[in-house]
Amino acid sequence: MIDSVVKKLFIGASVVLIAIFIFGAFLFFSRKPQVQPVNGARERIGVGIVTTDDLEIEKHQKFVDYLNAHSDHDWSLVPLKDYGSYISQLELGQIKSGFMGSAVAYRTIKNGLALPIARGEKDGVSNYYSYIFVKKDSGIDDIEELKGKRFAYVDISTSAGFVYPVYLLRSKGYDPDDFFRAPLFAGTHEKAILAVLNGDYDGGAAKDLAWKKLSLKNSDLEKNLKIIEKEGPFPENTFMVGTEFGLKEVEELRGLLLNLGETEDGQGLLAKMNLDRFIITEEKDFDMVKKISD
């Protein structure tokens, strides 16, 4: 009798197992096939830029579109109003890549937040210099002669428009906070130059590329302003990625940008960004920024 009960239990269990198997197989084969990316799920990566200019946003959106078409991540452009917001979002992981000026780029490298990938080059130029300038008829030939006068900085996050003149004053034994009578933070290199050209300020600092661009539109600049200090080179805006990117991903992204000129859509992107090519950018390219920042 016991054997009979065991036999019945065995048969019952077998029937249940078979039913479970059939039901599981039905669910498996009735599922709609899921499309999987070739290299796994696409992670959303914010690409930060500091600008409110529609043309700049459009230009960098083309860059993001290119990354989306040629890499395994879901890249998304994140325009920001200033570098304070930029660094905060980078620290919080809200953005994981982006274009950075040399001062901010070096700060993120130093703090272990980001790695340099590449920067653009146009007509052989991929670096810039800091100019400190005054009116030609001012009688001022040295930054020390600007003590107690009005001075136009650009922004605290710029190598050319703030970090260098502050470094220069400190190297001469002055306290930058007490040196000028009325310091201005103009917001852009062009505005800092115009503040001096128009006579509103006695001296200013800005990058040479902005100086040269503005001089093409305003002949009074070269006629009326003179450069009294110069320092550089500093790397132009660099595309950076967060340190969570692996070495393989870094090299793939770098290769993608360095080889833009080899494809028709890559050439179109370079033309849109007004660049001839991207060039490799590494930590050593920020040595001058390191010198004036640390």
Protein backbone atom coordinates (compact mmCIF):
# COMPACT_ATOMS: atom_id res chain seq x y z
CA MET A 1 0.00 0.00 0.00
CA ILE A 2 2.86 2.32 0.86
CA ASP A 3 4.47 1.56 -2.53
CA SER A 4 1.19 2.45 -4.23
CA VAL A 5 1.02 5.82 -2.45
CA VAL A 6 4.64 6.63 -3.30
CA LYS A 7 4.00 5.68 -6.91
CA LYS A 8 0.99 8.01 -7.09
CA LEU A 9 2.97 10.88 -5.51
CA PHE A 10 5.79 10.35 -7.98
CA ILE A 11 3.41 10.37 -10.94
CA GLY A 12 1.68 13.51 -9.61
CA ALA A 13 4.95 15.35 -9.14
CA SER A 14 6.06 14.38 -12.63
CA VAL A 15 2.86 15.75 -14.12
CA VAL A 16 3.35 19.06 -12.26
CA LEU A 17 6.96 19.36 -13.42
CA ILE A 18 5.97 18.66 -17.03
CA ALA A 19 3.22 21.27 -16.83
CA ILE A 20 5.63 23.84 -15.42
CA PHE A 21 8.12 23.08 -18.20
CA ILE A 22 5.47 23.39 -20.93
CA PHE A 23 4.15 26.67 -19.47
CA GLY A 24 7.66 28.09 -19.19
CA ALA A 25 8.46 27.10 -22.76
CA PHE A 26 5.24 28.74 -23.94
CA LEU A 27 6.14 32.01 -22.22
CA PHE A 28 9.69 31.94 -23.62
CA PHE A 29 8.73 31.36 -27.23
CA SER A 30 5.71 33.67 -27.15
CA ARG A 31 7.78 36.69 -25.99
CA LYS A 32 8.45 39.42 -28.54
CA PRO A 33 12.16 39.48 -29.35
CA GLN A 34 14.06 42.34 -27.63
CA VAL A 35 16.52 44.32 -29.74
CA GLN A 36 19.83 44.52 -27.87
CA PRO A 37 22.54 47.05 -28.74
CA VAL A 38 25.64 45.47 -30.18
CA ASN A 39 27.80 46.48 -27.22
CA GLY A 40 25.20 46.44 -24.46
CA ALA A 41 22.72 49.02 -23.16
CA ARG A 42 23.20 52.63 -24.22
CA GLU A 43 24.06 54.77 -21.21
CA ARG A 44 22.92 58.40 -21.17
CA ILE A 45 25.89 60.75 -21.07
CA GLY A 46 25.40 64.49 -20.55
CA VAL A 47 27.71 66.72 -22.63
CA GLY A 48 28.19 70.05 -20.91
CA ILE A 49 28.93 73.39 -22.58
CA VAL A 50 28.94 76.85 -21.05
CA THR A 51 26.95 79.09 -23.38
CA THR A 52 23.56 80.66 -23.92
CA ASP A 53 24.28 81.49 -27.55
CA ASP A 54 21.91 79.71 -29.95
CA LEU A 55 24.56 79.32 -32.66
CA GLU A 56 27.01 77.72 -30.22
CA ILE A 57 24.30 75.39 -28.96
CA GLU A 58 23.41 74.40 -32.53
CA LYS A 59 27.07 73.78 -33.38
CA HIS A 60 27.65 71.56 -30.37
CA GLN A 61 24.37 69.72 -30.93
CA LYS A 62 25.83 68.57 -34.27
CA PHE A 63 28.82 67.25 -32.33
CA VAL A 64 26.51 65.34 -29.98
CA ASP A 65 24.52 63.98 -32.93
CA TYR A 66 27.76 62.65 -34.41
CA LEU A 67 28.67 60.91 -31.14
CA ASN A 68 25.23 59.31 -31.02
CA ALA A 69 25.63 58.00 -34.55
CA HIS A 70 29.12 56.58 -34.02
CA SER A 71 29.35 55.35 -30.42
CA ASP A 72 27.48 53.09 -28.02
CA HIS A 73 26.29 55.75 -25.57
CA ASP A 74 23.23 58.01 -25.57
CA TRP A 75 24.82 61.48 -25.63
CA SER A 76 22.76 64.53 -24.67
CA LEU A 77 23.77 68.21 -24.85
CA VAL A 78 23.50 70.17 -21.59
CA PRO A 79 24.02 73.97 -22.03
CA LEU A 80 24.95 75.68 -18.76
CA LYS A 81 25.14 79.36 -17.82
CA ASP A 82 28.50 79.27 -16.01
CA TYR A 83 31.38 77.03 -14.98
CA GLY A 84 30.20 76.95 -11.36
CA SER A 85 27.12 75.07 -12.50
CA TYR A 86 29.28 72.98 -14.82
CA ILE A 87 31.59 71.71 -12.08
CA SER A 88 28.68 71.09 -9.67
CA GLN A 89 26.88 68.96 -12.23
CA LEU A 90 30.09 67.11 -13.05
CA GLU A 91 30.68 66.34 -9.36
CA LEU A 92 27.07 65.12 -9.00
CA GLY A 93 27.33 62.97 -12.13
CA GLN A 94 24.59 64.90 -13.94
CA ILE A 95 27.04 65.48 -16.78
CA LYS A 96 29.89 63.13 -17.56
CA SER A 97 31.63 64.91 -20.41
CA GLY A 98 31.86 68.24 -22.17
CA PHE A 99 33.95 71.08 -23.58
CA MET A 100 36.02 72.96 -21.02
CA GLY A 101 38.29 75.98 -21.04
CA SER A 102 41.84 75.33 -19.86
CA ALA A 103 41.42 76.59 -16.26
CA VAL A 104 38.36 74.44 -15.57
CA ALA A 105 39.78 71.50 -17.50
CA TYR A 106 42.93 71.55 -15.37
CA ARG A 107 40.87 71.83 -12.19
CA THR A 108 38.86 68.72 -13.12
CA ILE A 109 42.05 66.83 -13.98
CA LYS A 110 43.68 67.84 -10.69
CA ASN A 111 40.60 66.82 -8.70
CA GLY A 112 40.28 63.47 -10.48
CA LEU A 113 36.96 64.34 -12.10
CA ALA A 114 37.77 64.25 -15.82
CA LEU A 115 40.25 63.22 -18.51
CA PRO A 116 41.22 65.18 -21.65
CA ILE A 117 40.35 63.61 -25.00
CA ALA A 118 40.96 66.09 -27.85
CA ARG A 119 40.67 69.76 -28.81
CA GLY A 120 39.98 71.52 -32.06
CA GLU A 121 42.55 73.11 -34.36
CA LYS A 122 41.98 75.82 -36.97
CA ASP A 123 44.70 77.12 -39.30
CA GLY A 124 47.32 75.41 -37.16
CA VAL A 125 46.08 77.07 -33.95
CA SER A 126 44.94 74.97 -30.99
CA ASN A 127 46.35 77.07 -28.15
CA TYR A 128 45.92 80.64 -26.95
CA TYR A 129 47.81 83.25 -24.93
CA SER A 130 46.84 85.69 -22.23
CA TYR A 131 47.21 89.39 -23.01
CA ILE A 132 47.24 92.16 -20.41
CA PHE A 133 46.65 95.47 -22.17
CA VAL A 134 46.18 99.20 -21.68
CA LYS A 135 45.60 102.29 -23.81
CA LYS A 136 48.67 103.30 -25.84
CA ASP A 137 48.48 106.88 -24.56
CA SER A 138 48.11 105.81 -20.93
CA GLY A 139 51.82 105.95 -20.13
CA ILE A 140 51.51 102.51 -18.50
CA ASP A 141 54.10 99.92 -19.48
CA ASP A 142 53.92 97.40 -16.64
CA ILE A 143 51.14 95.76 -14.62
CA GLU A 144 52.62 97.30 -11.46
CA GLU A 145 51.69 100.72 -12.83
CA LEU A 146 48.04 99.65 -12.78
CA LYS A 147 47.99 99.68 -8.97
CA GLY A 148 44.93 101.51 -7.70
CA LYS A 149 43.40 101.71 -11.18
CA ARG A 150 40.36 100.13 -12.85
CA PHE A 151 40.91 96.66 -14.31
CA ALA A 152 38.71 94.40 -16.47
CA TYR A 153 38.92 90.67 -15.82
CA VAL A 154 36.85 88.18 -17.84
CA ASP A 155 35.74 85.48 -15.39
CA ILE A 156 37.35 83.66 -12.47
CA SER A 157 37.24 80.42 -14.51
CA THR A 158 39.45 81.70 -17.34
CA SER A 159 43.22 81.23 -17.57
CA ALA A 160 43.76 84.25 -19.81
CA GLY A 161 41.20 86.56 -18.26
CA PHE A 162 41.78 85.96 -14.57
CA VAL A 163 44.16 83.19 -13.44
CA TYR A 164 47.22 84.60 -15.21
CA PRO A 165 46.93 88.27 -14.08
CA VAL A 166 46.31 87.08 -10.50
CA TYR A 167 49.36 84.80 -10.71
CA LEU A 168 51.46 87.63 -12.11
CA LEU A 169 50.52 90.01 -9.29
CA ARG A 170 51.26 87.38 -6.64
CA SER A 171 54.62 86.59 -8.26
CA LYS A 172 55.51 90.28 -7.83
CA GLY A 173 54.51 90.24 -4.16
CA TYR A 174 51.10 91.94 -4.46
CA ASP A 175 47.72 90.93 -3.05
CA PRO A 176 45.38 90.75 -6.10
CA ASP A 177 42.35 91.42 -3.89
CA ASP A 178 43.65 94.86 -2.91
CA PHE A 179 45.64 95.82 -5.99
CA PHE A 180 42.99 97.30 -8.30
CA ARG A 181 40.61 100.10 -7.35
CA ALA A 182 37.60 98.82 -9.26
CA PRO A 183 37.95 95.33 -10.74
CA LEU A 184 35.33 94.31 -13.29
CA PHE A 185 34.28 90.80 -14.32
CA ALA A 186 33.18 91.49 -17.87
CA GLY A 187 31.86 87.98 -18.61
CA THR A 188 33.48 87.60 -22.04
CA HIS A 189 36.93 88.29 -23.48
CA GLU A 190 35.46 90.69 -26.03
CA LYS A 191 33.70 92.75 -23.36
CA ALA A 192 36.91 93.00 -21.32
CA ILE A 193 38.78 94.32 -24.37
CA LEU A 194 36.04 96.81 -25.23
CA ALA A 195 35.92 98.07 -21.63
CA VAL A 196 39.50 99.27 -22.00
CA LEU A 197 39.18 100.37 -25.63
CA ASN A 198 36.17 102.52 -24.75
CA GLY A 199 38.02 104.12 -21.84
CA ASP A 200 35.81 102.69 -19.10
CA TYR A 201 38.75 100.78 -17.57
CA ASP A 202 42.48 101.43 -17.44
CA GLY A 203 43.65 97.89 -18.13
CA GLY A 204 42.33 94.44 -18.82
CA ALA A 205 43.12 90.80 -19.57
CA ALA A 206 41.81 88.53 -22.30
CA LYS A 207 42.86 85.76 -24.67
CA ASP A 208 44.76 86.62 -27.84
CA LEU A 209 42.27 84.78 -30.07
CA ALA A 210 39.48 87.14 -28.98
CA TRP A 211 41.83 90.10 -29.46
CA LYS A 212 42.66 89.07 -33.02
CA LYS A 213 39.05 88.31 -33.92
CA LEU A 214 37.82 91.63 -32.58
CA SER A 215 40.62 93.56 -34.29
CA LEU A 216 39.37 92.31 -37.67
CA LYS A 217 36.05 94.03 -37.00
CA ASN A 218 37.37 97.07 -35.14
CA SER A 219 40.48 98.76 -36.50
CA ASP A 220 40.61 101.07 -33.45
CA LEU A 221 41.77 98.16 -31.30
CA GLU A 222 45.30 97.87 -32.73
CA LYS A 223 45.54 101.65 -33.08
CA ASN A 224 44.65 102.45 -29.50
CA LEU A 225 45.57 99.46 -27.32
CA LYS A 226 48.95 97.92 -26.48
CA ILE A 227 49.93 94.65 -24.83
CA ILE A 228 52.11 94.99 -21.73
CA GLU A 229 52.17 91.33 -20.57
CA LYS A 230 51.77 87.99 -22.36
CA GLU A 231 51.73 84.37 -21.17
CA GLY A 232 50.94 80.93 -22.57
CA PRO A 233 50.32 78.71 -24.34
CA PHE A 234 47.07 77.36 -22.92
CA PRO A 235 45.07 74.64 -24.73
CA GLU A 236 41.85 75.81 -26.36
CA ASN A 237 38.48 74.33 -25.32
CA THR A 238 39.02 70.62 -24.78
CA PHE A 239 36.53 67.77 -24.96
CA MET A 240 36.76 65.98 -21.61
CA VAL A 241 35.11 62.87 -20.17
CA GLY A 242 34.60 61.76 -16.57
CA THR A 243 37.15 59.46 -14.97
CA GLU A 244 34.54 56.68 -14.83
CA PHE A 245 35.24 56.15 -18.54
CA GLY A 246 37.58 53.21 -19.02
CA LEU A 247 40.86 53.39 -20.94
CA LYS A 248 39.32 51.54 -23.89
CA GLU A 249 36.42 54.01 -24.10
CA VAL A 250 38.79 56.98 -23.86
CA GLU A 251 40.91 55.68 -26.72
CA GLU A 252 37.85 54.88 -28.85
CA LEU A 253 36.47 58.41 -28.38
CA ARG A 254 39.86 59.96 -29.07
CA GLY A 255 40.22 57.90 -32.25
CA LEU A 256 36.73 58.87 -33.36
CA LEU A 257 37.53 62.59 -33.08
CA LEU A 258 41.04 62.41 -34.50
CA ASN A 259 39.72 60.66 -37.62
CA LEU A 260 36.78 62.96 -38.39
CA GLY A 261 38.40 64.14 -41.61
CA GLU A 262 38.31 60.61 -43.08
CA THR A 263 34.51 60.46 -43.46
CA GLU A 264 32.04 62.68 -45.27
CA ASP A 265 29.84 63.27 -42.20
CA GLY A 266 32.96 63.86 -40.10
CA GLN A 267 34.13 66.51 -42.55
CA GLY A 268 30.69 68.09 -42.35
CA LEU A 269 30.94 68.27 -38.58
CA LEU A 270 34.38 69.91 -38.74
CA ALA A 271 33.03 72.50 -41.17
CA LYS A 272 30.07 73.21 -38.90
CA MET A 273 32.40 73.71 -35.92
CA ASN A 274 34.79 75.84 -38.02
CA LEU A 275 37.69 73.47 -37.37
CA ASP A 276 40.27 71.79 -39.57
CA ARG A 277 40.63 68.81 -37.26
CA PHE A 278 40.79 67.61 -33.67
CA ILE A 279 44.18 66.91 -32.12
CA ILE A 280 45.13 64.66 -29.23
CA THR A 281 45.09 66.41 -25.85
CA GLU A 282 46.73 65.04 -22.72
CA GLU A 283 47.43 66.16 -19.17
CA LYS A 284 50.88 67.49 -20.11
CA ASP A 285 49.23 70.05 -22.39
CA PHE A 286 48.02 71.83 -19.24
CA ASP A 287 51.51 72.38 -17.77
CA MET A 288 51.28 76.16 -18.17
CA VAL A 289 47.85 76.19 -16.51
CA LYS A 290 49.33 74.13 -13.69
CA LYS A 291 52.18 76.62 -13.30
CA ILE A 292 49.89 79.62 -12.81
CA SER A 293 47.19 77.79 -10.84
CA ASP A 294 49.00 75.79 -8.15
